[in-house]
Amino acid sequence: MTSLDRILLLLTGILAAYQVAVGVNGLDEVPIIAYTIGFGVLLVAGLLLIILGFEALDSPIVVVVSTVIPLAIALGLVWEHLASFRTSYLVFAIVGFLAVTLTRSIPVPGKIPTLVLAVVHGIAGLTIFLLPPILAANGTMKPTFALVGLGGALIGLAGLLLSFLKAGKPIVPRETILKILPSLLLLMTVCFVAGFKFG
């Protein structure tokens, strides 16, 4: 890990800490909890990468942690903007997290762990990617709220890259993933913070 990587990860952590401390003010209890968990995990993950280096990505817990961030942020968005889906999405988030944790904790045959991960990541990622631009387009939120959707696309990309890397089936070479990961995480966090603040 280069000094530039560590600086990018530190900036990511600072922005995530800002979102936890300031960006959730004035929201309902469940979105505050969800966003705090999502951005809090992002902050801790960034700090661990700075301290331990990219070797931290070899830990089996990485797949589970990389699932918490999109699930929590997606839950916060649904709870805020899609009242009729609150309970069902909360159930999905809990069941999805438990399914990913279970399939990564015990030996599961075949492609079931990858399938579970793809479904959970896919639904959470699509929620973050599609909901903010739709709300911005129909006038419910300001146009800049669509930046949250861009952040969702980037978190989905980062999550999939890490997941397939961890599964031993990387989409692109490991070196490429490690080279772009700090920049990807920073850009994603900038989009989230700007979208939530100005949207």
N, C-alpha and C. Protein backbone atom coordinates (compact mmCIF):
# COMPACT_ATOMS: atom_id res chain seq x y z
N MET A 1 0.85 -1.19 0.00
CA MET A 1 0.00 0.00 0.00
C MET A 1 0.88 1.24 0.00
N THR A 2 0.58 2.17 -0.92
CA THR A 2 1.39 3.38 -1.04
C THR A 2 0.90 4.45 -0.06
N SER A 3 1.70 5.50 0.08
CA SER A 3 1.30 6.63 0.92
C SER A 3 0.03 7.28 0.37
N LEU A 4 -0.09 7.38 -0.95
CA LEU A 4 -1.28 7.96 -1.57
C LEU A 4 -2.51 7.14 -1.23
N ASP A 5 -2.38 5.80 -1.25
CA ASP A 5 -3.51 4.93 -0.88
C ASP A 5 -3.97 5.24 0.53
N ARG A 6 -3.00 5.40 1.44
CA ARG A 6 -3.35 5.67 2.84
C ARG A 6 -4.02 7.04 2.99
N ILE A 7 -3.55 8.02 2.23
CA ILE A 7 -4.18 9.36 2.28
C ILE A 7 -5.61 9.29 1.76
N LEU A 8 -5.83 8.58 0.66
CA LEU A 8 -7.18 8.44 0.10
C LEU A 8 -8.11 7.73 1.08
N LEU A 9 -7.59 6.69 1.74
CA LEU A 9 -8.40 5.96 2.72
C LEU A 9 -8.68 6.82 3.95
N LEU A 10 -7.71 7.65 4.35
CA LEU A 10 -7.92 8.55 5.48
C LEU A 10 -9.00 9.57 5.15
N LEU A 11 -8.97 10.14 3.94
CA LEU A 11 -10.01 11.08 3.52
C LEU A 11 -11.38 10.40 3.48
N THR A 12 -11.41 9.15 3.04
CA THR A 12 -12.66 8.37 3.04
C THR A 12 -13.19 8.25 4.45
N GLY A 13 -12.29 7.93 5.39
CA GLY A 13 -12.68 7.78 6.79
C GLY A 13 -13.19 9.08 7.39
N ILE A 14 -12.54 10.20 7.05
CA ILE A 14 -12.97 11.51 7.56
C ILE A 14 -14.38 11.84 7.05
N LEU A 15 -14.63 11.60 5.76
CA LEU A 15 -15.95 11.87 5.20
C LEU A 15 -17.02 10.96 5.82
N ALA A 16 -16.67 9.68 6.02
CA ALA A 16 -17.61 8.75 6.65
C ALA A 16 -17.92 9.19 8.07
N ALA A 17 -16.89 9.64 8.80
CA ALA A 17 -17.08 10.12 10.17
C ALA A 17 -17.97 11.36 10.19
N TYR A 18 -17.77 12.25 9.21
CA TYR A 18 -18.61 13.45 9.10
C TYR A 18 -20.07 13.04 8.88
N GLN A 19 -20.29 12.06 8.01
CA GLN A 19 -21.66 11.64 7.72
C GLN A 19 -22.33 11.06 8.96
N VAL A 20 -21.56 10.31 9.75
CA VAL A 20 -22.10 9.74 10.99
C VAL A 20 -22.40 10.84 12.00
N ALA A 21 -21.49 11.80 12.13
CA ALA A 21 -21.62 12.83 13.16
C ALA A 21 -22.62 13.92 12.80
N VAL A 22 -22.65 14.32 11.53
CA VAL A 22 -23.44 15.49 11.13
C VAL A 22 -24.53 15.14 10.11
N GLY A 23 -24.22 14.25 9.19
CA GLY A 23 -25.10 14.01 8.05
C GLY A 23 -26.42 13.35 8.35
N VAL A 24 -26.59 12.76 9.54
CA VAL A 24 -27.83 12.06 9.86
C VAL A 24 -28.75 12.88 10.78
N ASN A 25 -28.35 14.10 11.09
CA ASN A 25 -29.15 14.93 11.99
C ASN A 25 -30.53 15.19 11.41
N GLY A 26 -31.54 15.13 12.28
CA GLY A 26 -32.90 15.48 11.88
C GLY A 26 -33.69 14.35 11.24
N LEU A 27 -33.11 13.14 11.18
CA LEU A 27 -33.81 12.01 10.58
C LEU A 27 -34.54 11.20 11.65
N ASP A 28 -35.41 10.27 11.18
CA ASP A 28 -36.07 9.36 12.11
C ASP A 28 -35.05 8.40 12.72
N GLU A 29 -35.49 7.67 13.73
CA GLU A 29 -34.58 6.80 14.48
C GLU A 29 -33.98 5.69 13.62
N VAL A 30 -34.80 4.99 12.83
CA VAL A 30 -34.29 3.86 12.05
C VAL A 30 -33.29 4.31 10.98
N PRO A 31 -33.59 5.36 10.17
CA PRO A 31 -32.57 5.82 9.23
C PRO A 31 -31.27 6.27 9.90
N ILE A 32 -31.38 6.91 11.07
CA ILE A 32 -30.16 7.32 11.80
C ILE A 32 -29.33 6.10 12.15
N ILE A 33 -29.99 5.06 12.68
CA ILE A 33 -29.28 3.83 13.05
C ILE A 33 -28.66 3.19 11.81
N ALA A 34 -29.47 3.09 10.73
CA ALA A 34 -29.00 2.43 9.50
C ALA A 34 -27.81 3.16 8.89
N TYR A 35 -27.93 4.47 8.74
CA TYR A 35 -26.82 5.25 8.14
C TYR A 35 -25.59 5.24 9.04
N THR A 36 -25.81 5.28 10.36
CA THR A 36 -24.68 5.25 11.29
C THR A 36 -23.93 3.93 11.18
N ILE A 37 -24.68 2.82 11.07
CA ILE A 37 -24.03 1.52 10.90
C ILE A 37 -23.28 1.48 9.58
N GLY A 38 -23.95 1.89 8.49
CA GLY A 38 -23.33 1.83 7.17
C GLY A 38 -22.05 2.64 7.07
N PHE A 39 -22.13 3.91 7.46
CA PHE A 39 -20.95 4.78 7.36
C PHE A 39 -19.94 4.49 8.46
N GLY A 40 -20.42 4.01 9.61
CA GLY A 40 -19.51 3.62 10.69
C GLY A 40 -18.64 2.43 10.29
N VAL A 41 -19.26 1.45 9.63
CA VAL A 41 -18.49 0.29 9.15
C VAL A 41 -17.50 0.72 8.07
N LEU A 42 -17.92 1.64 7.21
CA LEU A 42 -17.02 2.17 6.18
C LEU A 42 -15.81 2.86 6.82
N LEU A 43 -16.06 3.64 7.87
CA LEU A 43 -14.98 4.32 8.60
C LEU A 43 -14.00 3.31 9.20
N VAL A 44 -14.54 2.31 9.89
CA VAL A 44 -13.69 1.30 10.53
C VAL A 44 -12.91 0.50 9.48
N ALA A 45 -13.58 0.15 8.38
CA ALA A 45 -12.92 -0.61 7.31
C ALA A 45 -11.75 0.18 6.73
N GLY A 46 -11.97 1.47 6.51
CA GLY A 46 -10.89 2.32 5.99
C GLY A 46 -9.72 2.40 6.94
N LEU A 47 -10.00 2.55 8.23
CA LEU A 47 -8.93 2.63 9.23
C LEU A 47 -8.17 1.31 9.33
N LEU A 48 -8.89 0.18 9.26
CA LEU A 48 -8.22 -1.12 9.31
C LEU A 48 -7.30 -1.32 8.11
N LEU A 49 -7.76 -0.86 6.93
CA LEU A 49 -6.92 -0.97 5.74
C LEU A 49 -5.65 -0.12 5.89
N ILE A 50 -5.80 1.08 6.48
CA ILE A 50 -4.64 1.94 6.69
C ILE A 50 -3.64 1.26 7.62
N ILE A 51 -4.15 0.66 8.71
CA ILE A 51 -3.28 0.06 9.73
C ILE A 51 -2.69 -1.27 9.25
N LEU A 52 -3.54 -2.14 8.69
CA LEU A 52 -3.12 -3.50 8.37
C LEU A 52 -2.68 -3.68 6.92
N GLY A 53 -2.98 -2.69 6.07
CA GLY A 53 -2.65 -2.82 4.65
C GLY A 53 -3.67 -3.69 3.93
N PHE A 54 -3.41 -3.95 2.66
CA PHE A 54 -4.35 -4.72 1.85
C PHE A 54 -4.46 -6.18 2.31
N GLU A 55 -3.53 -6.62 3.16
CA GLU A 55 -3.60 -7.99 3.69
C GLU A 55 -4.90 -8.19 4.47
N ALA A 56 -5.46 -7.09 5.00
CA ALA A 56 -6.72 -7.20 5.74
C ALA A 56 -7.84 -7.75 4.86
N LEU A 57 -7.73 -7.54 3.55
CA LEU A 57 -8.76 -8.02 2.63
C LEU A 57 -8.79 -9.54 2.55
N ASP A 58 -7.73 -10.21 3.01
CA ASP A 58 -7.68 -11.67 2.97
C ASP A 58 -8.49 -12.31 4.09
N SER A 59 -8.94 -11.51 5.04
CA SER A 59 -9.74 -12.03 6.14
C SER A 59 -11.11 -12.47 5.65
N PRO A 60 -11.62 -13.61 6.16
CA PRO A 60 -12.94 -14.08 5.73
C PRO A 60 -14.08 -13.12 6.10
N ILE A 61 -13.82 -12.23 7.06
CA ILE A 61 -14.88 -11.31 7.49
C ILE A 61 -15.14 -10.20 6.47
N VAL A 62 -14.22 -10.03 5.51
CA VAL A 62 -14.35 -8.95 4.53
C VAL A 62 -15.66 -9.04 3.75
N VAL A 63 -16.03 -10.24 3.33
CA VAL A 63 -17.26 -10.42 2.55
C VAL A 63 -18.47 -10.00 3.37
N VAL A 64 -18.48 -10.38 4.65
CA VAL A 64 -19.60 -10.04 5.53
C VAL A 64 -19.66 -8.53 5.74
N VAL A 65 -18.49 -7.93 6.03
CA VAL A 65 -18.44 -6.49 6.26
C VAL A 65 -18.85 -5.71 5.01
N SER A 66 -18.40 -6.18 3.84
CA SER A 66 -18.72 -5.47 2.61
C SER A 66 -20.21 -5.58 2.27
N THR A 67 -20.93 -6.45 2.97
CA THR A 67 -22.38 -6.57 2.78
C THR A 67 -23.13 -5.61 3.69
N VAL A 68 -22.57 -5.34 4.87
CA VAL A 68 -23.25 -4.48 5.85
C VAL A 68 -23.47 -3.07 5.29
N ILE A 69 -22.45 -2.52 4.61
CA ILE A 69 -22.52 -1.12 4.16
C ILE A 69 -23.68 -0.88 3.21
N PRO A 70 -23.80 -1.62 2.08
CA PRO A 70 -24.94 -1.34 1.19
C PRO A 70 -26.28 -1.70 1.80
N LEU A 71 -26.34 -2.77 2.59
CA LEU A 71 -27.61 -3.15 3.22
C LEU A 71 -28.11 -2.05 4.15
N ALA A 72 -27.21 -1.49 4.96
CA ALA A 72 -27.60 -0.46 5.93
C ALA A 72 -28.03 0.82 5.22
N ILE A 73 -27.26 1.25 4.22
CA ILE A 73 -27.60 2.49 3.50
C ILE A 73 -28.91 2.32 2.73
N ALA A 74 -29.10 1.16 2.10
CA ALA A 74 -30.34 0.90 1.37
C ALA A 74 -31.54 0.90 2.32
N LEU A 75 -31.37 0.30 3.50
CA LEU A 75 -32.46 0.29 4.49
C LEU A 75 -32.82 1.71 4.90
N GLY A 76 -31.82 2.54 5.14
CA GLY A 76 -32.08 3.93 5.51
C GLY A 76 -32.87 4.66 4.43
N LEU A 77 -32.50 4.45 3.17
CA LEU A 77 -33.19 5.11 2.05
C LEU A 77 -34.63 4.65 1.94
N VAL A 78 -34.84 3.34 2.03
CA VAL A 78 -36.20 2.79 1.93
C VAL A 78 -37.05 3.28 3.09
N TRP A 79 -36.49 3.30 4.28
CA TRP A 79 -37.25 3.72 5.46
C TRP A 79 -37.67 5.19 5.34
N GLU A 80 -36.77 5.99 4.78
CA GLU A 80 -37.07 7.42 4.62
C GLU A 80 -38.09 7.70 3.52
N HIS A 81 -38.00 6.96 2.40
CA HIS A 81 -38.72 7.38 1.20
C HIS A 81 -39.77 6.40 0.68
N LEU A 82 -39.78 5.16 1.18
CA LEU A 82 -40.77 4.18 0.72
C LEU A 82 -41.44 3.55 1.93
N ALA A 83 -42.31 4.31 2.56
CA ALA A 83 -42.91 3.88 3.83
C ALA A 83 -43.61 2.53 3.73
N SER A 84 -44.23 2.23 2.59
CA SER A 84 -44.98 0.98 2.47
C SER A 84 -44.07 -0.26 2.42
N PHE A 85 -42.77 -0.06 2.16
CA PHE A 85 -41.84 -1.19 2.08
C PHE A 85 -40.93 -1.30 3.30
N ARG A 86 -41.18 -0.48 4.31
CA ARG A 86 -40.27 -0.44 5.46
C ARG A 86 -40.05 -1.81 6.10
N THR A 87 -41.14 -2.44 6.51
CA THR A 87 -41.02 -3.71 7.23
C THR A 87 -40.42 -4.80 6.36
N SER A 88 -40.89 -4.90 5.12
CA SER A 88 -40.39 -5.96 4.24
C SER A 88 -38.90 -5.77 3.94
N TYR A 89 -38.46 -4.52 3.79
CA TYR A 89 -37.04 -4.29 3.50
C TYR A 89 -36.19 -4.53 4.74
N LEU A 90 -36.72 -4.21 5.91
CA LEU A 90 -36.00 -4.50 7.15
C LEU A 90 -35.80 -6.01 7.30
N VAL A 91 -36.85 -6.78 7.01
CA VAL A 91 -36.75 -8.25 7.06
C VAL A 91 -35.72 -8.74 6.05
N PHE A 92 -35.77 -8.18 4.81
CA PHE A 92 -34.79 -8.57 3.79
C PHE A 92 -33.36 -8.28 4.25
N ALA A 93 -33.15 -7.10 4.83
CA ALA A 93 -31.80 -6.71 5.27
C ALA A 93 -31.28 -7.68 6.34
N ILE A 94 -32.12 -8.01 7.30
CA ILE A 94 -31.71 -8.92 8.38
C ILE A 94 -31.46 -10.32 7.84
N VAL A 95 -32.42 -10.84 7.06
CA VAL A 95 -32.29 -12.20 6.52
C VAL A 95 -31.09 -12.27 5.56
N GLY A 96 -30.94 -11.23 4.71
CA GLY A 96 -29.83 -11.21 3.76
C GLY A 96 -28.48 -11.21 4.46
N PHE A 97 -28.35 -10.39 5.50
CA PHE A 97 -27.10 -10.34 6.25
C PHE A 97 -26.81 -11.68 6.91
N LEU A 98 -27.84 -12.28 7.53
CA LEU A 98 -27.66 -13.58 8.18
C LEU A 98 -27.30 -14.66 7.17
N ALA A 99 -27.93 -14.61 5.99
CA ALA A 99 -27.65 -15.62 4.95
C ALA A 99 -26.20 -15.52 4.47
N VAL A 100 -25.74 -14.28 4.24
CA VAL A 100 -24.35 -14.10 3.81
C VAL A 100 -23.39 -14.56 4.90
N THR A 101 -23.68 -14.19 6.14
CA THR A 101 -22.83 -14.59 7.27
C THR A 101 -22.78 -16.10 7.40
N LEU A 102 -23.94 -16.74 7.32
CA LEU A 102 -24.02 -18.20 7.47
C LEU A 102 -23.28 -18.93 6.36
N THR A 103 -23.50 -18.50 5.11
CA THR A 103 -22.87 -19.20 3.98
C THR A 103 -21.37 -18.95 3.92
N ARG A 104 -20.89 -17.94 4.65
CA ARG A 104 -19.44 -17.68 4.71
C ARG A 104 -18.81 -18.27 5.96
N SER A 105 -19.63 -18.68 6.93
CA SER A 105 -19.11 -19.19 8.20
C SER A 105 -18.98 -20.70 8.23
N ILE A 106 -19.88 -21.38 7.50
CA ILE A 106 -19.85 -22.84 7.48
C ILE A 106 -19.64 -23.30 6.03
N PRO A 107 -19.06 -24.48 5.85
CA PRO A 107 -18.86 -24.98 4.49
C PRO A 107 -20.20 -25.23 3.79
N VAL A 108 -20.43 -24.56 2.69
CA VAL A 108 -21.66 -24.74 1.91
C VAL A 108 -21.24 -25.19 0.51
N PRO A 109 -21.86 -26.27 0.03
CA PRO A 109 -21.42 -26.81 -1.26
C PRO A 109 -21.81 -25.94 -2.45
N GLY A 110 -21.04 -26.10 -3.51
CA GLY A 110 -21.40 -25.48 -4.79
C GLY A 110 -21.31 -23.97 -4.80
N LYS A 111 -22.20 -23.38 -5.59
CA LYS A 111 -22.18 -21.93 -5.80
C LYS A 111 -23.19 -21.18 -4.94
N ILE A 112 -23.74 -21.85 -3.93
CA ILE A 112 -24.76 -21.23 -3.08
C ILE A 112 -24.23 -19.96 -2.41
N PRO A 113 -23.02 -19.97 -1.80
CA PRO A 113 -22.53 -18.74 -1.17
C PRO A 113 -22.42 -17.57 -2.16
N THR A 114 -21.92 -17.84 -3.36
CA THR A 114 -21.78 -16.79 -4.37
C THR A 114 -23.15 -16.28 -4.81
N LEU A 115 -24.11 -17.20 -4.97
CA LEU A 115 -25.47 -16.83 -5.39
C LEU A 115 -26.15 -15.97 -4.33
N VAL A 116 -26.02 -16.38 -3.05
CA VAL A 116 -26.61 -15.61 -1.95
C VAL A 116 -26.02 -14.21 -1.92
N LEU A 117 -24.70 -14.14 -2.04
CA LEU A 117 -24.01 -12.85 -2.02
C LEU A 117 -24.45 -11.96 -3.17
N ALA A 118 -24.56 -12.55 -4.37
CA ALA A 118 -24.96 -11.78 -5.55
C ALA A 118 -26.37 -11.23 -5.41
N VAL A 119 -27.29 -12.04 -4.87
CA VAL A 119 -28.68 -11.60 -4.69
C VAL A 119 -28.77 -10.47 -3.67
N VAL A 120 -28.13 -10.66 -2.50
CA VAL A 120 -28.19 -9.65 -1.44
C VAL A 120 -27.53 -8.35 -1.89
N HIS A 121 -26.32 -8.46 -2.44
CA HIS A 121 -25.61 -7.27 -2.94
C HIS A 121 -26.39 -6.62 -4.07
N GLY A 122 -26.93 -7.44 -4.95
CA GLY A 122 -27.66 -6.93 -6.12
C GLY A 122 -28.87 -6.10 -5.73
N ILE A 123 -29.69 -6.64 -4.82
CA ILE A 123 -30.91 -5.92 -4.40
C ILE A 123 -30.56 -4.64 -3.65
N ALA A 124 -29.61 -4.74 -2.70
CA ALA A 124 -29.21 -3.55 -1.94
C ALA A 124 -28.58 -2.51 -2.86
N GLY A 125 -27.69 -2.96 -3.75
CA GLY A 125 -27.02 -2.04 -4.67
C GLY A 125 -27.99 -1.36 -5.62
N LEU A 126 -28.93 -2.13 -6.17
CA LEU A 126 -29.92 -1.55 -7.09
C LEU A 126 -30.82 -0.54 -6.37
N THR A 127 -31.14 -0.84 -5.11
CA THR A 127 -31.96 0.10 -4.33
C THR A 127 -31.25 1.44 -4.19
N ILE A 128 -29.96 1.39 -3.82
CA ILE A 128 -29.20 2.64 -3.65
C ILE A 128 -28.98 3.32 -5.01
N PHE A 129 -28.78 2.52 -6.05
CA PHE A 129 -28.49 3.06 -7.38
C PHE A 129 -29.72 3.71 -8.02
N LEU A 130 -30.90 3.09 -7.86
CA LEU A 130 -32.09 3.55 -8.59
C LEU A 130 -32.97 4.53 -7.80
N LEU A 131 -33.14 4.30 -6.51
CA LEU A 131 -34.09 5.11 -5.74
C LEU A 131 -33.74 6.61 -5.72
N PRO A 132 -32.50 7.01 -5.41
CA PRO A 132 -32.21 8.46 -5.39
C PRO A 132 -32.44 9.18 -6.72
N PRO A 133 -32.00 8.63 -7.88
CA PRO A 133 -32.29 9.32 -9.14
C PRO A 133 -33.78 9.43 -9.45
N ILE A 134 -34.55 8.39 -9.07
CA ILE A 134 -36.00 8.43 -9.28
C ILE A 134 -36.62 9.55 -8.43
N LEU A 135 -36.20 9.63 -7.17
CA LEU A 135 -36.72 10.69 -6.28
C LEU A 135 -36.30 12.07 -6.76
N ALA A 136 -35.09 12.17 -7.32
CA ALA A 136 -34.62 13.45 -7.87
C ALA A 136 -35.40 13.81 -9.14
N ALA A 137 -35.68 12.81 -9.97
CA ALA A 137 -36.37 13.06 -11.24
C ALA A 137 -37.82 13.47 -11.04
N ASN A 138 -38.49 12.87 -10.04
CA ASN A 138 -39.92 13.21 -9.84
C ASN A 138 -40.13 14.42 -8.94
N GLY A 139 -39.04 15.05 -8.52
CA GLY A 139 -39.15 16.29 -7.75
C GLY A 139 -39.31 16.10 -6.25
N THR A 140 -39.32 14.85 -5.77
CA THR A 140 -39.42 14.60 -4.34
C THR A 140 -38.19 15.13 -3.61
N MET A 141 -37.02 14.97 -4.25
CA MET A 141 -35.76 15.46 -3.70
C MET A 141 -35.10 16.37 -4.72
N LYS A 142 -34.09 17.13 -4.28
CA LYS A 142 -33.35 18.00 -5.20
C LYS A 142 -32.55 17.15 -6.19
N PRO A 143 -32.23 17.71 -7.37
CA PRO A 143 -31.48 16.95 -8.38
C PRO A 143 -30.15 16.38 -7.86
N THR A 144 -29.51 17.10 -6.94
CA THR A 144 -28.20 16.62 -6.44
C THR A 144 -28.33 15.34 -5.62
N PHE A 145 -29.54 14.98 -5.22
CA PHE A 145 -29.73 13.73 -4.46
C PHE A 145 -29.39 12.52 -5.33
N ALA A 146 -29.40 12.70 -6.64
CA ALA A 146 -29.04 11.61 -7.55
C ALA A 146 -27.59 11.16 -7.35
N LEU A 147 -26.75 12.03 -6.73
CA LEU A 147 -25.37 11.64 -6.43
C LEU A 147 -25.32 10.42 -5.50
N VAL A 148 -26.33 10.28 -4.65
CA VAL A 148 -26.39 9.10 -3.78
C VAL A 148 -26.49 7.83 -4.64
N GLY A 149 -27.24 7.93 -5.74
CA GLY A 149 -27.34 6.81 -6.67
C GLY A 149 -26.01 6.47 -7.31
N LEU A 150 -25.24 7.50 -7.66
CA LEU A 150 -23.91 7.28 -8.22
C LEU A 150 -23.01 6.60 -7.19
N GLY A 151 -23.11 7.05 -5.94
CA GLY A 151 -22.38 6.39 -4.86
C GLY A 151 -22.80 4.93 -4.73
N GLY A 152 -24.10 4.67 -4.95
CA GLY A 152 -24.60 3.29 -4.91
C GLY A 152 -23.99 2.43 -6.00
N ALA A 153 -23.85 3.01 -7.20
CA ALA A 153 -23.22 2.26 -8.30
C ALA A 153 -21.77 1.93 -7.96
N LEU A 154 -21.07 2.89 -7.37
CA LEU A 154 -19.67 2.67 -7.01
C LEU A 154 -19.51 1.66 -5.88
N ILE A 155 -20.42 1.71 -4.89
CA ILE A 155 -20.33 0.75 -3.79
C ILE A 155 -20.65 -0.66 -4.28
N GLY A 156 -21.58 -0.73 -5.25
CA GLY A 156 -21.90 -2.03 -5.83
C GLY A 156 -20.70 -2.60 -6.57
N LEU A 157 -20.02 -1.75 -7.32
CA LEU A 157 -18.83 -2.17 -8.05
C LEU A 157 -17.73 -2.63 -7.09
N ALA A 158 -17.48 -1.82 -6.05
CA ALA A 158 -16.45 -2.17 -5.07
C ALA A 158 -16.80 -3.48 -4.36
N GLY A 159 -18.07 -3.62 -3.98
CA GLY A 159 -18.51 -4.83 -3.28
C GLY A 159 -18.36 -6.07 -4.13
N LEU A 160 -18.75 -5.98 -5.39
CA LEU A 160 -18.63 -7.14 -6.28
C LEU A 160 -17.17 -7.50 -6.55
N LEU A 161 -16.33 -6.48 -6.77
CA LEU A 161 -14.91 -6.74 -6.99
C LEU A 161 -14.30 -7.47 -5.80
N LEU A 162 -14.60 -6.98 -4.59
CA LEU A 162 -14.06 -7.60 -3.38
C LEU A 162 -14.62 -8.99 -3.15
N SER A 163 -15.92 -9.16 -3.44
CA SER A 163 -16.57 -10.45 -3.20
C SER A 163 -16.00 -11.53 -4.11
N PHE A 164 -15.88 -11.20 -5.40
CA PHE A 164 -15.34 -12.19 -6.33
C PHE A 164 -13.86 -12.44 -6.08
N LEU A 165 -13.15 -11.41 -5.64
CA LEU A 165 -11.74 -11.58 -5.28
C LEU A 165 -11.63 -12.55 -4.11
N LYS A 166 -12.49 -12.36 -3.11
CA LYS A 166 -12.47 -13.21 -1.92
C LYS A 166 -12.90 -14.63 -2.26
N ALA A 167 -13.81 -14.76 -3.24
CA ALA A 167 -14.28 -16.09 -3.64
C ALA A 167 -13.26 -16.83 -4.50
N GLY A 168 -12.16 -16.13 -4.84
CA GLY A 168 -11.13 -16.75 -5.66
C GLY A 168 -11.42 -16.70 -7.14
N LYS A 169 -12.41 -15.88 -7.51
CA LYS A 169 -12.77 -15.75 -8.93
C LYS A 169 -12.82 -14.28 -9.31
N PRO A 170 -11.67 -13.57 -9.22
CA PRO A 170 -11.68 -12.13 -9.48
C PRO A 170 -12.08 -11.80 -10.91
N ILE A 171 -12.89 -10.73 -11.04
CA ILE A 171 -13.33 -10.27 -12.37
C ILE A 171 -12.15 -9.66 -13.11
N VAL A 172 -11.35 -8.90 -12.37
CA VAL A 172 -10.10 -8.33 -12.92
C VAL A 172 -8.96 -8.75 -11.99
N PRO A 173 -7.70 -8.65 -12.42
CA PRO A 173 -6.58 -9.09 -11.58
C PRO A 173 -6.56 -8.38 -10.22
N ARG A 174 -6.09 -9.11 -9.21
CA ARG A 174 -6.01 -8.59 -7.84
C ARG A 174 -5.26 -7.26 -7.78
N GLU A 175 -4.16 -7.16 -8.52
CA GLU A 175 -3.35 -5.94 -8.50
C GLU A 175 -4.17 -4.73 -8.96
N THR A 176 -4.99 -4.94 -9.97
CA THR A 176 -5.84 -3.85 -10.49
C THR A 176 -6.86 -3.43 -9.45
N ILE A 177 -7.48 -4.42 -8.80
CA ILE A 177 -8.48 -4.12 -7.76
C ILE A 177 -7.85 -3.30 -6.64
N LEU A 178 -6.67 -3.73 -6.18
CA LEU A 178 -6.01 -3.03 -5.07
C LEU A 178 -5.56 -1.63 -5.49
N LYS A 179 -5.24 -1.46 -6.76
CA LYS A 179 -4.80 -0.15 -7.25
C LYS A 179 -5.95 0.86 -7.27
N ILE A 180 -7.16 0.39 -7.65
CA ILE A 180 -8.28 1.33 -7.79
C ILE A 180 -9.16 1.43 -6.54
N LEU A 181 -9.01 0.46 -5.62
CA LEU A 181 -9.92 0.42 -4.47
C LEU A 181 -9.93 1.70 -3.62
N PRO A 182 -8.78 2.24 -3.18
CA PRO A 182 -8.82 3.47 -2.37
C PRO A 182 -9.52 4.64 -3.07
N SER A 183 -9.23 4.84 -4.38
CA SER A 183 -9.87 5.92 -5.13
C SER A 183 -11.37 5.68 -5.25
N LEU A 184 -11.74 4.41 -5.48
CA LEU A 184 -13.16 4.04 -5.63
C LEU A 184 -13.92 4.31 -4.33
N LEU A 185 -13.32 3.93 -3.21
CA LEU A 185 -13.97 4.16 -1.91
C LEU A 185 -14.13 5.65 -1.61
N LEU A 186 -13.10 6.44 -1.93
CA LEU A 186 -13.18 7.88 -1.70
C LEU A 186 -14.25 8.51 -2.59
N LEU A 187 -14.25 8.20 -3.86
CA LEU A 187 -15.22 8.77 -4.79
C LEU A 187 -16.65 8.39 -4.38
N MET A 188 -16.83 7.14 -3.98
CA MET A 188 -18.13 6.67 -3.52
C MET A 188 -18.60 7.48 -2.31
N THR A 189 -17.70 7.68 -1.34
CA THR A 189 -18.06 8.40 -0.11
C THR A 189 -18.35 9.87 -0.41
N VAL A 190 -17.58 10.48 -1.31
CA VAL A 190 -17.84 11.87 -1.72
C VAL A 190 -19.25 11.98 -2.31
N CYS A 191 -19.62 11.04 -3.17
CA CYS A 191 -20.96 11.06 -3.79
C CYS A 191 -22.05 10.93 -2.73
N PHE A 192 -21.86 10.01 -1.79
CA PHE A 192 -22.85 9.83 -0.73
C PHE A 192 -23.01 11.10 0.11
N VAL A 193 -21.89 11.62 0.60
CA VAL A 193 -21.94 12.79 1.50
C VAL A 193 -22.54 13.99 0.77
N ALA A 194 -22.10 14.25 -0.47
CA ALA A 194 -22.61 15.39 -1.24
C ALA A 194 -24.09 15.20 -1.55
N GLY A 195 -24.47 13.99 -1.94
CA GLY A 195 -25.88 13.73 -2.25
C GLY A 195 -26.80 13.92 -1.08
N PHE A 196 -26.40 13.40 0.09
CA PHE A 196 -27.22 13.54 1.29
C PHE A 196 -27.25 14.99 1.76
N LYS A 197 -26.13 15.70 1.67
CA LYS A 197 -26.07 17.07 2.18
C LYS A 197 -26.82 18.05 1.28
N PHE A 198 -26.60 17.95 -0.03
CA PHE A 198 -27.16 18.95 -0.95
C PHE A 198 -28.45 18.49 -1.64
N GLY A 199 -28.83 17.22 -1.41
CA GLY A 199 -30.06 16.72 -2.03
C GLY A 199 -31.25 16.86 -1.13
